[in-house]
């Protein structure tokens, strides 16, 4: 998975179809009402390039064990990953003015990883393998999008 800048993130969301409604009105994803949240998320992307935060925000992918990715996209595999994530949040949150907006999506990915493994163990299914396949696809897709 490629590490992208905040500006690249903004360019990507500008290309997405509008799908947010407020009081029945369809809003563009770059509507000024979203600026506070978008700016905080942009900050989290840019932090991976800032010398003070680079080591906290970047991580070796636990999917393929070779790519360096943004920690918000990483699947935690142990206590060290969780400690680094917490250090990152504690460093970035005050600079962002509070919530950094991306914790819940990272927690969701990690919950899916754990849950699919547990289901497979108890039921003999292949959900975890399919989840990991999706994560690898996501990494490859983002890499291709960066090259375009």
Protein backbone atom coordinates (compact mmCIF):
# COMPACT_ATOMS: atom_id res chain seq x y z
CA UNK A 1 0.00 0.00 0.00
CA UNK A 2 1.41 3.31 -0.96
CA UNK A 3 1.75 6.13 1.50
CA UNK A 4 0.01 9.16 0.04
CA UNK A 5 0.10 12.83 0.92
CA UNK A 6 -2.81 14.86 2.21
CA UNK A 7 -3.12 16.57 -1.18
CA UNK A 8 -3.36 13.20 -2.92
CA UNK A 9 -6.09 12.20 -0.46
CA UNK A 10 -8.04 15.38 -1.32
CA UNK A 11 -7.65 14.71 -5.06
CA UNK A 12 -9.00 11.19 -4.59
CA UNK A 13 -12.10 12.26 -2.68
CA UNK A 14 -12.83 14.93 -5.28
CA UNK A 15 -13.17 12.12 -7.85
CA UNK A 16 -15.74 10.19 -5.79
CA UNK A 17 -19.44 10.44 -6.51
CA UNK A 18 -21.46 12.50 -4.06
CA UNK A 19 -23.33 10.23 -1.63
CA UNK A 20 -23.91 12.37 1.46
CA UNK A 21 -27.28 13.98 2.04
CA UNK A 22 -28.18 16.78 4.42
CA UNK A 23 -31.89 17.54 4.79
CA UNK A 24 -32.55 15.87 1.43
CA UNK A 25 -29.80 17.76 -0.42
CA UNK A 26 -27.01 15.78 -2.08
CA UNK A 27 -23.66 17.27 -1.08
CA UNK A 28 -20.38 17.16 -2.93
CA UNK A 29 -17.65 15.42 -0.91
CA UNK A 30 -15.64 18.65 -0.91
CA UNK A 31 -18.51 20.74 0.43
CA UNK A 32 -17.08 23.38 2.82
CA UNK A 33 -19.15 21.86 5.65
CA UNK A 34 -16.80 18.87 5.56
CA UNK A 35 -13.63 20.99 5.67
CA UNK A 36 -12.87 20.48 9.40
CA UNK A 37 -13.00 16.68 9.09
CA UNK A 38 -11.23 16.59 5.72
CA UNK A 39 -8.45 18.84 7.02
CA UNK A 40 -7.84 16.58 10.02
CA UNK A 41 -7.70 13.49 7.82
CA UNK A 42 -5.39 15.34 5.40
CA UNK A 43 -3.16 16.11 8.40
CA UNK A 44 -2.90 12.37 9.23
CA UNK A 45 -1.71 11.63 5.69
CA UNK A 46 0.83 14.47 5.75
CA UNK A 47 2.11 13.41 9.18
CA UNK A 48 3.62 10.29 7.59
CA UNK A 49 6.02 12.61 5.72
CA UNK A 50 6.83 14.94 8.64
CA UNK A 51 10.17 14.17 10.29
CA UNK A 52 8.74 14.46 13.82
CA UNK A 53 5.98 11.90 13.18
CA UNK A 54 7.25 9.72 10.36
CA UNK A 55 8.42 6.87 12.60
CA UNK A 56 5.10 6.81 14.46
CA UNK A 57 2.80 7.04 11.44
CA UNK A 58 4.63 4.59 9.18
CA UNK A 59 4.65 0.85 9.80
CA UNK A 60 5.81 -2.32 8.09
CA UNK A 61 2.73 -4.01 6.67
CA UNK A 62 1.62 -7.05 8.63
CA UNK A 63 -0.11 -8.29 5.45
CA UNK A 64 2.96 -8.84 3.30
CA UNK A 65 5.71 -7.96 5.82
CA UNK A 66 7.59 -5.78 3.32
CA UNK A 67 5.64 -2.66 2.37
CA UNK A 68 5.88 0.45 4.50
CA UNK A 69 2.35 1.77 4.98
CA UNK A 70 0.45 4.37 6.95
CA UNK A 71 -0.19 2.90 10.41
CA UNK A 72 -3.89 3.73 10.06
CA UNK A 73 -4.04 0.98 7.39
CA UNK A 74 -2.10 -1.61 9.35
CA UNK A 75 -3.45 -4.77 10.94
CA UNK A 76 -2.04 -4.97 14.45
CA UNK A 77 -0.30 -8.25 15.20
CA UNK A 78 0.86 -7.71 18.73
CA UNK A 79 1.41 -5.48 21.72
CA UNK A 80 4.18 -3.49 19.99
CA UNK A 81 1.80 -2.49 17.16
CA UNK A 82 -0.85 -1.39 19.64
CA UNK A 83 1.65 0.64 21.66
CA UNK A 84 2.92 2.37 18.48
CA UNK A 85 -0.67 3.12 17.44
CA UNK A 86 -1.39 4.64 20.85
CA UNK A 87 1.81 6.70 20.74
CA UNK A 88 0.83 7.94 17.28
CA UNK A 89 -2.65 8.95 18.43
CA UNK A 90 -1.28 10.72 21.52
CA UNK A 91 1.21 12.64 19.39
CA UNK A 92 -1.20 13.63 16.61
CA UNK A 93 -4.46 14.32 18.47
CA UNK A 94 -3.28 17.51 20.23
CA UNK A 95 -1.84 18.83 16.98
CA UNK A 96 -5.09 18.11 15.15
CA UNK A 97 -7.15 19.77 17.86
CA UNK A 98 -8.76 16.58 19.16
CA UNK A 99 -10.14 13.60 17.27
CA UNK A 100 -8.02 12.50 14.32
CA UNK A 101 -10.96 10.83 12.55
CA UNK A 102 -9.24 7.63 11.41
CA UNK A 103 -9.08 5.48 14.55
CA UNK A 104 -12.45 3.85 14.06
CA UNK A 105 -11.70 2.67 10.51
CA UNK A 106 -8.41 1.17 11.72
CA UNK A 107 -10.21 -0.47 14.64
CA UNK A 108 -12.82 -1.87 12.21
CA UNK A 109 -10.14 -3.43 9.98
CA UNK A 110 -8.46 -4.97 13.01
CA UNK A 111 -11.77 -6.27 14.39
CA UNK A 112 -12.54 -7.90 11.04
CA UNK A 113 -9.12 -9.54 11.01
CA UNK A 114 -9.55 -10.97 14.51
CA UNK A 115 -13.18 -11.98 14.04
CA UNK A 116 -12.63 -13.73 10.71
CA UNK A 117 -9.74 -15.71 12.23
CA UNK A 118 -11.87 -16.77 15.19
CA UNK A 119 -14.80 -17.80 12.98
CA UNK A 120 -12.49 -19.84 10.76
CA UNK A 121 -11.00 -21.61 13.77
CA UNK A 122 -14.39 -22.54 15.19
CA UNK A 123 -16.28 -23.20 11.93
CA UNK A 124 -13.63 -24.31 9.45
CA UNK A 125 -14.53 -21.48 7.06
CA UNK A 126 -12.22 -19.34 4.91
CA UNK A 127 -13.33 -15.84 5.88
CA UNK A 128 -9.92 -14.76 7.13
CA UNK A 129 -8.14 -15.85 3.97
CA UNK A 130 -10.73 -13.90 1.96
CA UNK A 131 -10.29 -10.85 4.21
CA UNK A 132 -6.50 -10.96 3.76
CA UNK A 133 -7.01 -11.37 0.00
CA UNK A 134 -9.16 -8.22 0.07
CA UNK A 135 -6.50 -6.32 2.05
CA UNK A 136 -3.84 -7.36 -0.49
CA UNK A 137 -6.15 -6.24 -3.30
CA UNK A 138 -6.67 -2.92 -1.54
CA UNK A 139 -2.90 -2.46 -1.21
CA UNK A 140 -2.32 -3.28 -4.88
CA UNK A 141 -5.24 -1.08 -5.99
CA UNK A 142 -3.91 1.91 -4.07
CA UNK A 143 -0.45 1.37 -5.52
CA UNK A 144 -1.87 1.36 -9.07
CA UNK A 145 -3.95 4.48 -8.37
CA UNK A 146 -0.78 6.27 -7.21
CA UNK A 147 0.96 5.48 -10.51
CA UNK A 148 -1.86 6.86 -12.69
